[in-house]
């Protein structure tokens, strides 16, 4: 019987050897990019529109800003993008007194066109004046403030109307 018994080994037990761990390389999964283009990518930078479709009071505001030497006038047609207004006009004035003069001229132009301003907002020395003409909102900035807020990029899906064509109408 003793021959059948296993002989206990006095040598230390061997641990199972494992192959050295390989570093796992993770592959970054690229997000799926939609092939559909945004509305702004399908359009040219400036879309010429028929001026007869633009309301008279919007044309009056653009002409008033141009007459008072506002710089970099942009007219964006927001249409279905905003429930606040159908048009946004963005312009630059070179100083706080110039901003005041532009605001007064915009209010006068809206009154003469039969669509008085619903409200205005401007803080002394803020560099930004807003005139609410119900379906048109006019933002007038000093150059540094306009660059800081970058309203054009916020509303880049709006249609950019040609100011030259609007002034000819």
N, C-alpha and C. Protein backbone atom coordinates (compact mmCIF):
# COMPACT_ATOMS: atom_id res chain seq x y z
N UNK A 1 0.78 -1.17 0.00
CA UNK A 1 0.00 0.00 0.00
C UNK A 1 0.83 1.26 0.00
N UNK A 2 1.95 1.10 0.59
CA UNK A 2 2.81 2.26 0.64
C UNK A 2 3.32 2.64 -0.73
N UNK A 3 3.40 1.68 -1.59
CA UNK A 3 3.86 1.96 -2.93
C UNK A 3 2.80 2.74 -3.71
N UNK A 4 1.57 2.57 -3.32
CA UNK A 4 0.50 3.26 -4.01
C UNK A 4 0.35 4.70 -3.56
N UNK A 5 0.81 4.97 -2.38
CA UNK A 5 0.70 6.35 -1.89
C UNK A 5 1.65 7.24 -2.65
N UNK A 6 1.20 8.40 -2.85
CA UNK A 6 2.04 9.37 -3.55
C UNK A 6 3.06 9.89 -2.60
N UNK A 7 4.17 10.07 -3.12
CA UNK A 7 5.25 10.60 -2.35
C UNK A 7 5.16 12.11 -2.36
N UNK A 8 5.18 12.73 -1.16
CA UNK A 8 5.12 14.17 -1.08
C UNK A 8 6.45 14.74 -1.46
N UNK A 9 6.40 15.73 -2.29
CA UNK A 9 7.62 16.37 -2.75
C UNK A 9 8.02 17.43 -1.75
N UNK A 10 9.27 17.53 -1.50
CA UNK A 10 9.78 18.56 -0.61
C UNK A 10 10.15 19.83 -1.38
N UNK A 11 10.13 19.79 -2.69
CA UNK A 11 10.45 20.96 -3.52
C UNK A 11 9.26 21.92 -3.48
N UNK A 12 9.57 23.20 -3.52
CA UNK A 12 8.47 24.16 -3.51
C UNK A 12 7.58 23.99 -4.74
N UNK A 13 6.31 24.26 -4.55
CA UNK A 13 5.35 24.08 -5.63
C UNK A 13 5.60 25.13 -6.71
N UNK A 14 5.53 24.70 -7.93
CA UNK A 14 5.73 25.62 -9.05
C UNK A 14 4.41 26.34 -9.36
N UNK A 15 4.52 27.64 -9.56
CA UNK A 15 3.36 28.41 -9.97
C UNK A 15 3.21 28.28 -11.47
N UNK A 16 1.98 28.32 -11.86
CA UNK A 16 1.74 28.24 -13.30
C UNK A 16 2.32 29.49 -13.93
N UNK A 17 3.10 29.31 -14.92
CA UNK A 17 3.69 30.47 -15.59
C UNK A 17 2.71 30.98 -16.65
N UNK A 18 2.58 32.27 -16.66
CA UNK A 18 1.74 32.90 -17.67
C UNK A 18 2.61 33.64 -18.66
N UNK A 19 2.09 33.73 -19.81
CA UNK A 19 2.81 34.49 -20.82
C UNK A 19 2.80 35.95 -20.38
N UNK A 20 3.84 36.70 -20.67
CA UNK A 20 3.86 38.12 -20.27
C UNK A 20 2.66 38.85 -20.90
N UNK A 21 2.10 39.76 -20.12
CA UNK A 21 0.93 40.50 -20.59
C UNK A 21 1.31 41.43 -21.73
N UNK A 22 0.51 41.36 -22.73
CA UNK A 22 0.72 42.28 -23.85
C UNK A 22 -0.11 43.52 -23.59
N UNK A 23 0.41 44.65 -23.95
CA UNK A 23 -0.37 45.88 -23.78
C UNK A 23 -1.50 45.87 -24.80
N UNK A 24 -2.64 46.24 -24.32
CA UNK A 24 -3.81 46.25 -25.18
C UNK A 24 -3.86 47.60 -25.88
N UNK A 25 -3.94 47.56 -27.15
CA UNK A 25 -4.00 48.78 -27.93
C UNK A 25 -5.47 49.09 -28.21
N UNK A 26 -5.89 50.22 -27.70
CA UNK A 26 -7.27 50.61 -27.92
C UNK A 26 -7.36 51.43 -29.19
N UNK A 27 -8.30 51.10 -29.96
CA UNK A 27 -8.52 51.82 -31.21
C UNK A 27 -9.60 52.87 -30.96
N UNK A 28 -9.26 54.10 -31.26
CA UNK A 28 -10.23 55.18 -31.08
C UNK A 28 -11.33 55.04 -32.12
N UNK A 29 -12.54 55.09 -31.65
CA UNK A 29 -13.67 54.99 -32.55
C UNK A 29 -14.02 56.39 -33.02
N UNK A 30 -14.01 56.55 -34.30
CA UNK A 30 -14.34 57.86 -34.85
C UNK A 30 -15.86 58.02 -34.87
N UNK A 31 -16.33 59.21 -34.42
CA UNK A 31 -17.78 59.42 -34.45
C UNK A 31 -18.27 59.46 -35.90
N UNK A 32 -19.46 58.95 -36.07
CA UNK A 32 -20.03 58.96 -37.41
C UNK A 32 -20.43 60.38 -37.76
N UNK A 33 -19.98 60.82 -38.89
CA UNK A 33 -20.27 62.17 -39.35
C UNK A 33 -21.36 62.10 -40.39
N UNK A 34 -22.37 62.87 -40.18
CA UNK A 34 -23.47 62.91 -41.13
C UNK A 34 -22.99 63.54 -42.43
N UNK A 35 -23.38 62.96 -43.51
CA UNK A 35 -22.98 63.50 -44.80
C UNK A 35 -23.90 64.63 -45.25
N UNK A 36 -24.97 64.82 -44.49
CA UNK A 36 -25.89 65.91 -44.82
C UNK A 36 -25.23 67.24 -44.47
N UNK A 37 -25.39 68.19 -45.31
CA UNK A 37 -24.79 69.50 -45.07
C UNK A 37 -25.78 70.40 -44.36
N UNK A 38 -25.24 71.25 -43.52
CA UNK A 38 -26.08 72.23 -42.85
C UNK A 38 -26.56 73.24 -43.88
N UNK A 39 -27.60 73.96 -43.53
CA UNK A 39 -28.16 74.93 -44.46
C UNK A 39 -27.12 75.96 -44.88
N UNK A 40 -26.27 76.37 -43.94
CA UNK A 40 -25.28 77.39 -44.25
C UNK A 40 -24.20 76.88 -45.19
N UNK A 41 -23.93 75.56 -45.20
CA UNK A 41 -22.92 75.02 -46.08
C UNK A 41 -23.41 74.91 -47.52
N UNK A 42 -24.71 74.83 -47.70
CA UNK A 42 -25.26 74.70 -49.04
C UNK A 42 -25.36 76.04 -49.76
N UNK A 43 -25.24 77.12 -49.03
CA UNK A 43 -25.44 78.44 -49.61
C UNK A 43 -24.12 79.15 -49.84
N UNK A 44 -24.14 80.05 -50.78
CA UNK A 44 -22.98 80.92 -50.98
C UNK A 44 -22.95 81.91 -49.83
N UNK A 45 -21.80 82.54 -49.56
CA UNK A 45 -21.72 83.46 -48.42
C UNK A 45 -22.77 84.56 -48.44
N UNK A 46 -23.06 85.09 -49.60
CA UNK A 46 -24.10 86.12 -49.69
C UNK A 46 -25.11 85.66 -50.72
N UNK A 47 -26.34 85.59 -50.29
CA UNK A 47 -27.40 85.15 -51.17
C UNK A 47 -28.18 86.37 -51.61
N UNK A 48 -28.17 86.63 -52.89
CA UNK A 48 -28.93 87.78 -53.41
C UNK A 48 -30.41 87.41 -53.38
N UNK A 49 -31.20 88.27 -52.81
CA UNK A 49 -32.63 88.04 -52.72
C UNK A 49 -33.36 89.18 -53.43
N UNK A 50 -34.55 88.92 -53.81
CA UNK A 50 -35.36 89.95 -54.44
C UNK A 50 -35.79 90.92 -53.35
N UNK A 51 -35.43 92.19 -53.53
CA UNK A 51 -35.70 93.20 -52.51
C UNK A 51 -37.19 93.42 -52.30
N UNK A 52 -38.00 93.07 -53.27
CA UNK A 52 -39.44 93.29 -53.12
C UNK A 52 -40.04 92.38 -52.03
N UNK A 53 -39.38 91.27 -51.70
CA UNK A 53 -39.86 90.37 -50.66
C UNK A 53 -39.50 90.86 -49.26
N UNK A 54 -38.55 91.77 -49.17
CA UNK A 54 -38.11 92.29 -47.87
C UNK A 54 -39.07 93.42 -47.46
N UNK A 55 -39.57 93.39 -46.21
CA UNK A 55 -40.51 94.43 -45.77
C UNK A 55 -39.92 95.84 -45.87
N UNK A 56 -40.80 96.80 -46.05
CA UNK A 56 -40.40 98.20 -46.24
C UNK A 56 -39.63 98.73 -45.04
N UNK A 57 -40.06 98.38 -43.83
CA UNK A 57 -39.37 98.90 -42.65
C UNK A 57 -37.95 98.33 -42.51
N UNK A 58 -37.70 97.13 -43.00
CA UNK A 58 -36.34 96.57 -42.98
C UNK A 58 -35.46 97.35 -43.95
N UNK A 59 -35.99 97.63 -45.14
CA UNK A 59 -35.26 98.44 -46.11
C UNK A 59 -34.97 99.84 -45.55
N UNK A 60 -35.95 100.42 -44.85
CA UNK A 60 -35.77 101.76 -44.27
C UNK A 60 -34.66 101.77 -43.23
N UNK A 61 -34.58 100.71 -42.43
CA UNK A 61 -33.53 100.63 -41.40
C UNK A 61 -32.16 100.50 -42.05
N UNK A 62 -32.05 99.67 -43.08
CA UNK A 62 -30.76 99.50 -43.76
C UNK A 62 -30.31 100.82 -44.38
N UNK A 63 -31.22 101.53 -45.02
CA UNK A 63 -30.87 102.82 -45.62
C UNK A 63 -30.50 103.85 -44.56
N UNK A 64 -31.19 103.84 -43.43
CA UNK A 64 -30.88 104.78 -42.35
C UNK A 64 -29.49 104.51 -41.77
N UNK A 65 -29.16 103.25 -41.58
CA UNK A 65 -27.83 102.91 -41.07
C UNK A 65 -26.75 103.31 -42.05
N UNK A 66 -27.00 103.08 -43.33
CA UNK A 66 -26.03 103.45 -44.35
C UNK A 66 -25.86 104.98 -44.42
N UNK A 67 -26.95 105.72 -44.32
CA UNK A 67 -26.88 107.19 -44.35
C UNK A 67 -26.09 107.75 -43.17
N UNK A 68 -26.17 107.09 -42.03
CA UNK A 68 -25.46 107.56 -40.83
C UNK A 68 -24.07 106.94 -40.69
N UNK A 69 -23.57 106.37 -41.78
CA UNK A 69 -22.19 105.86 -41.86
C UNK A 69 -21.93 104.66 -40.94
N UNK A 70 -22.90 103.81 -40.75
CA UNK A 70 -22.66 102.55 -40.03
C UNK A 70 -21.76 101.68 -40.91
N UNK A 71 -20.91 100.91 -40.30
CA UNK A 71 -19.97 100.07 -41.03
C UNK A 71 -20.39 98.61 -40.95
N UNK A 72 -19.95 97.83 -41.89
CA UNK A 72 -20.15 96.37 -41.92
C UNK A 72 -21.59 95.97 -41.63
N UNK A 73 -22.51 96.51 -42.39
CA UNK A 73 -23.92 96.20 -42.19
C UNK A 73 -24.20 94.80 -42.75
N UNK A 74 -24.84 93.98 -41.94
CA UNK A 74 -25.25 92.63 -42.35
C UNK A 74 -26.73 92.47 -42.09
N UNK A 75 -27.45 91.90 -43.04
CA UNK A 75 -28.87 91.62 -42.88
C UNK A 75 -29.05 90.11 -43.00
N UNK A 76 -29.58 89.50 -41.95
CA UNK A 76 -29.82 88.07 -41.93
C UNK A 76 -31.32 87.81 -41.90
N UNK A 77 -31.77 86.99 -42.82
CA UNK A 77 -33.17 86.57 -42.81
C UNK A 77 -33.24 85.28 -41.99
N UNK A 78 -33.93 85.34 -40.86
CA UNK A 78 -33.98 84.20 -39.95
C UNK A 78 -35.13 83.26 -40.27
N UNK A 79 -36.21 83.79 -40.80
CA UNK A 79 -37.33 82.95 -41.21
C UNK A 79 -37.79 82.00 -40.12
N UNK A 80 -37.68 80.71 -40.38
CA UNK A 80 -38.14 79.69 -39.43
C UNK A 80 -37.12 79.38 -38.34
N UNK A 81 -35.97 80.00 -38.37
CA UNK A 81 -34.94 79.71 -37.37
C UNK A 81 -35.25 80.33 -36.01
N UNK A 82 -36.02 81.40 -35.99
CA UNK A 82 -36.27 82.11 -34.76
C UNK A 82 -37.73 82.52 -34.65
N UNK A 83 -38.26 82.39 -33.44
CA UNK A 83 -39.61 82.87 -33.20
C UNK A 83 -39.58 84.32 -32.73
N UNK A 84 -38.38 84.85 -32.51
CA UNK A 84 -38.23 86.21 -32.01
C UNK A 84 -38.37 87.24 -33.12
N UNK A 85 -37.74 86.98 -34.25
CA UNK A 85 -37.76 87.95 -35.35
C UNK A 85 -37.54 87.23 -36.68
N UNK A 86 -37.98 87.88 -37.76
CA UNK A 86 -37.77 87.34 -39.10
C UNK A 86 -36.45 87.84 -39.70
N UNK A 87 -36.02 89.03 -39.26
CA UNK A 87 -34.79 89.63 -39.79
C UNK A 87 -33.92 90.12 -38.63
N UNK A 88 -32.62 90.00 -38.82
CA UNK A 88 -31.67 90.56 -37.87
C UNK A 88 -30.69 91.42 -38.66
N UNK A 89 -30.52 92.65 -38.19
CA UNK A 89 -29.58 93.56 -38.83
C UNK A 89 -28.46 93.83 -37.83
N UNK A 90 -27.23 93.64 -38.28
CA UNK A 90 -26.06 93.84 -37.43
C UNK A 90 -25.19 94.90 -38.10
N UNK A 91 -24.79 95.91 -37.31
CA UNK A 91 -23.97 96.99 -37.85
C UNK A 91 -22.94 97.41 -36.81
N UNK A 92 -21.96 98.18 -37.26
CA UNK A 92 -20.90 98.66 -36.39
C UNK A 92 -20.85 100.17 -36.40
N UNK A 93 -20.77 100.74 -35.21
CA UNK A 93 -20.55 102.18 -35.05
C UNK A 93 -19.18 102.36 -34.41
N UNK A 94 -18.55 103.51 -34.64
CA UNK A 94 -17.16 103.64 -34.20
C UNK A 94 -16.98 104.20 -32.79
N UNK A 95 -18.06 104.67 -32.15
CA UNK A 95 -17.94 105.19 -30.78
C UNK A 95 -19.32 105.15 -30.11
N UNK A 96 -19.36 105.41 -28.81
CA UNK A 96 -20.64 105.42 -28.11
C UNK A 96 -21.58 106.52 -28.61
N UNK A 97 -21.10 107.75 -28.88
CA UNK A 97 -22.00 108.75 -29.47
C UNK A 97 -22.53 108.34 -30.84
N UNK A 98 -21.68 107.66 -31.62
CA UNK A 98 -22.12 107.18 -32.94
C UNK A 98 -23.20 106.10 -32.78
N UNK A 99 -23.04 105.23 -31.78
CA UNK A 99 -24.07 104.21 -31.51
C UNK A 99 -25.40 104.86 -31.16
N UNK A 100 -25.34 105.90 -30.35
CA UNK A 100 -26.56 106.63 -29.97
C UNK A 100 -27.24 107.24 -31.20
N UNK A 101 -26.44 107.85 -32.05
CA UNK A 101 -26.98 108.47 -33.27
C UNK A 101 -27.59 107.40 -34.19
N UNK A 102 -26.95 106.25 -34.29
CA UNK A 102 -27.49 105.17 -35.12
C UNK A 102 -28.80 104.64 -34.53
N UNK A 103 -28.87 104.50 -33.22
CA UNK A 103 -30.10 104.03 -32.57
C UNK A 103 -31.25 104.99 -32.83
N UNK A 104 -31.00 106.28 -32.68
CA UNK A 104 -32.03 107.29 -32.91
C UNK A 104 -32.50 107.25 -34.35
N UNK A 105 -31.57 107.10 -35.27
CA UNK A 105 -31.92 107.05 -36.70
C UNK A 105 -32.73 105.79 -37.04
N UNK A 106 -32.38 104.66 -36.41
CA UNK A 106 -33.13 103.41 -36.63
C UNK A 106 -34.56 103.57 -36.12
N UNK A 107 -34.71 104.15 -34.92
CA UNK A 107 -36.05 104.37 -34.36
C UNK A 107 -36.88 105.30 -35.26
N UNK A 108 -36.24 106.35 -35.77
CA UNK A 108 -36.93 107.29 -36.66
C UNK A 108 -37.35 106.60 -37.96
N UNK A 109 -36.48 105.78 -38.52
CA UNK A 109 -36.79 105.07 -39.76
C UNK A 109 -37.96 104.09 -39.56
N UNK A 110 -37.98 103.41 -38.43
CA UNK A 110 -39.08 102.50 -38.15
C UNK A 110 -40.40 103.26 -38.00
N UNK A 111 -40.35 104.40 -37.31
CA UNK A 111 -41.56 105.22 -37.14
C UNK A 111 -42.10 105.69 -38.49
N UNK A 112 -41.21 106.18 -39.34
CA UNK A 112 -41.63 106.68 -40.65
C UNK A 112 -42.17 105.58 -41.55
N UNK A 113 -41.68 104.36 -41.36
CA UNK A 113 -42.14 103.23 -42.17
C UNK A 113 -43.46 102.66 -41.63
N UNK A 114 -43.94 103.19 -40.51
CA UNK A 114 -45.21 102.73 -39.96
C UNK A 114 -45.10 101.52 -39.05
N UNK A 115 -43.91 101.21 -38.61
CA UNK A 115 -43.69 100.08 -37.70
C UNK A 115 -42.78 100.53 -36.56
N UNK A 116 -43.35 101.25 -35.58
CA UNK A 116 -42.52 101.83 -34.52
C UNK A 116 -41.78 100.77 -33.70
N UNK A 117 -40.65 101.18 -33.16
CA UNK A 117 -39.83 100.28 -32.35
C UNK A 117 -40.61 99.86 -31.11
N UNK A 118 -40.53 98.58 -30.78
CA UNK A 118 -41.21 98.04 -29.59
C UNK A 118 -40.40 98.29 -28.34
N UNK A 119 -39.10 98.43 -28.50
CA UNK A 119 -38.24 98.67 -27.35
C UNK A 119 -36.80 98.83 -27.77
N UNK A 120 -36.03 99.44 -26.89
CA UNK A 120 -34.59 99.58 -27.13
C UNK A 120 -33.86 99.23 -25.85
N UNK A 121 -32.63 98.83 -26.00
CA UNK A 121 -31.82 98.49 -24.84
C UNK A 121 -30.39 98.90 -25.12
N UNK A 122 -29.83 99.69 -24.23
CA UNK A 122 -28.42 100.03 -24.32
C UNK A 122 -27.97 100.51 -22.95
N UNK A 123 -26.81 100.08 -22.57
CA UNK A 123 -26.20 100.51 -21.33
C UNK A 123 -25.11 101.52 -21.67
N UNK A 124 -24.96 102.49 -20.83
CA UNK A 124 -23.95 103.51 -21.07
C UNK A 124 -22.58 102.85 -21.15
N UNK A 125 -21.87 103.15 -22.22
CA UNK A 125 -20.51 102.65 -22.47
C UNK A 125 -20.41 101.13 -22.58
N UNK A 126 -21.51 100.47 -22.94
CA UNK A 126 -21.46 99.01 -23.11
C UNK A 126 -20.95 98.62 -24.49
N UNK A 127 -21.10 99.54 -25.46
CA UNK A 127 -20.65 99.24 -26.81
C UNK A 127 -21.66 98.44 -27.62
N UNK A 128 -22.91 98.33 -27.11
CA UNK A 128 -23.91 97.52 -27.79
C UNK A 128 -25.28 98.15 -27.59
N UNK A 129 -26.01 98.32 -28.67
CA UNK A 129 -27.36 98.85 -28.63
C UNK A 129 -28.27 97.93 -29.41
N UNK A 130 -29.44 97.64 -28.86
CA UNK A 130 -30.40 96.76 -29.52
C UNK A 130 -31.71 97.52 -29.70
N UNK A 131 -32.27 97.44 -30.89
CA UNK A 131 -33.58 98.02 -31.17
C UNK A 131 -34.49 96.90 -31.65
N UNK A 132 -35.63 96.73 -30.97
CA UNK A 132 -36.59 95.69 -31.32
C UNK A 132 -37.69 96.31 -32.16
N UNK A 133 -37.76 95.92 -33.40
CA UNK A 133 -38.79 96.41 -34.31
C UNK A 133 -39.81 95.34 -34.62
N UNK A 134 -40.13 94.50 -33.67
CA UNK A 134 -41.07 93.39 -33.73
C UNK A 134 -40.55 92.25 -34.60
N UNK A 135 -40.59 92.37 -35.91
CA UNK A 135 -40.09 91.28 -36.75
C UNK A 135 -38.68 91.53 -37.26
N UNK A 136 -38.07 92.63 -36.82
CA UNK A 136 -36.67 92.91 -37.13
C UNK A 136 -35.98 93.36 -35.84
N UNK A 137 -34.82 92.77 -35.59
CA UNK A 137 -34.01 93.16 -34.43
C UNK A 137 -32.71 93.75 -34.96
N UNK A 138 -32.39 94.95 -34.47
CA UNK A 138 -31.19 95.66 -34.94
C UNK A 138 -30.17 95.69 -33.82
N UNK A 139 -28.98 95.15 -34.09
CA UNK A 139 -27.87 95.18 -33.14
C UNK A 139 -26.81 96.12 -33.70
N UNK A 140 -26.42 97.11 -32.91
CA UNK A 140 -25.36 98.02 -33.32
C UNK A 140 -24.25 97.93 -32.27
N UNK A 141 -23.04 97.63 -32.72
CA UNK A 141 -21.91 97.38 -31.84
C UNK A 141 -20.76 98.34 -32.12
N UNK A 142 -19.91 98.51 -31.12
CA UNK A 142 -18.56 99.04 -31.37
C UNK A 142 -17.76 97.87 -31.94
N UNK A 143 -16.70 98.14 -32.70
CA UNK A 143 -15.97 97.05 -33.36
C UNK A 143 -15.45 95.96 -32.40
N UNK A 144 -14.89 96.36 -31.26
CA UNK A 144 -14.35 95.37 -30.32
C UNK A 144 -15.44 94.50 -29.72
N UNK A 145 -16.59 95.09 -29.44
CA UNK A 145 -17.70 94.33 -28.86
C UNK A 145 -18.32 93.40 -29.89
N UNK A 146 -18.42 93.87 -31.12
CA UNK A 146 -18.97 93.02 -32.20
C UNK A 146 -18.11 91.78 -32.40
N UNK A 147 -16.82 91.97 -32.38
CA UNK A 147 -15.92 90.83 -32.54
C UNK A 147 -16.05 89.87 -31.36
N UNK A 148 -16.22 90.42 -30.18
CA UNK A 148 -16.33 89.60 -28.98
C UNK A 148 -17.59 88.73 -28.99
N UNK A 149 -18.73 89.30 -29.36
CA UNK A 149 -19.98 88.55 -29.34
C UNK A 149 -20.19 87.68 -30.58
N UNK A 150 -19.64 88.07 -31.69
CA UNK A 150 -19.69 87.27 -32.92
C UNK A 150 -21.11 86.78 -33.25
N UNK A 151 -22.03 87.74 -33.37
CA UNK A 151 -23.43 87.41 -33.64
C UNK A 151 -23.61 86.69 -34.97
N UNK A 152 -22.79 87.02 -35.95
CA UNK A 152 -22.92 86.39 -37.25
C UNK A 152 -22.70 84.88 -37.16
N UNK A 153 -21.77 84.46 -36.32
CA UNK A 153 -21.53 83.02 -36.21
C UNK A 153 -22.64 82.34 -35.42
N UNK A 154 -23.28 83.05 -34.50
CA UNK A 154 -24.39 82.47 -33.76
C UNK A 154 -25.59 82.20 -34.68
N UNK A 155 -25.78 83.07 -35.64
CA UNK A 155 -26.91 82.96 -36.55
C UNK A 155 -26.45 82.62 -37.96
N UNK A 156 -25.42 81.81 -38.09
CA UNK A 156 -24.84 81.51 -39.40
C UNK A 156 -25.78 80.73 -40.32
N UNK A 157 -26.84 80.13 -39.77
CA UNK A 157 -27.79 79.42 -40.62
C UNK A 157 -28.82 80.34 -41.26
N UNK A 158 -28.82 81.60 -40.85
CA UNK A 158 -29.72 82.57 -41.47
C UNK A 158 -29.23 82.93 -42.86
N UNK A 159 -30.16 83.34 -43.71
CA UNK A 159 -29.78 83.74 -45.07
C UNK A 159 -29.19 85.15 -45.03
N UNK A 160 -28.01 85.30 -45.59
CA UNK A 160 -27.31 86.58 -45.61
C UNK A 160 -27.78 87.35 -46.84
N UNK A 161 -28.49 88.43 -46.63
CA UNK A 161 -29.01 89.22 -47.75
C UNK A 161 -27.96 90.23 -48.20
N UNK A 162 -27.95 90.50 -49.47
CA UNK A 162 -27.00 91.45 -50.03
C UNK A 162 -27.44 92.88 -49.69
N UNK A 163 -26.60 93.58 -48.94
CA UNK A 163 -26.90 94.96 -48.54
C UNK A 163 -26.91 95.87 -49.75
N UNK A 164 -26.02 95.63 -50.72
CA UNK A 164 -25.98 96.45 -51.94
C UNK A 164 -27.32 96.39 -52.66
N UNK A 165 -27.88 95.18 -52.78
CA UNK A 165 -29.17 95.04 -53.46
C UNK A 165 -30.28 95.71 -52.66
N UNK A 166 -30.22 95.64 -51.35
CA UNK A 166 -31.25 96.26 -50.52
C UNK A 166 -31.19 97.78 -50.62
N UNK A 167 -29.98 98.33 -50.72
CA UNK A 167 -29.83 99.79 -50.83
C UNK A 167 -30.31 100.30 -52.18
N UNK A 168 -30.25 99.47 -53.22
CA UNK A 168 -30.70 99.88 -54.55
C UNK A 168 -32.23 99.89 -54.63
N UNK A 169 -32.89 99.11 -53.81
CA UNK A 169 -34.36 99.00 -53.86
C UNK A 169 -35.04 100.25 -53.38
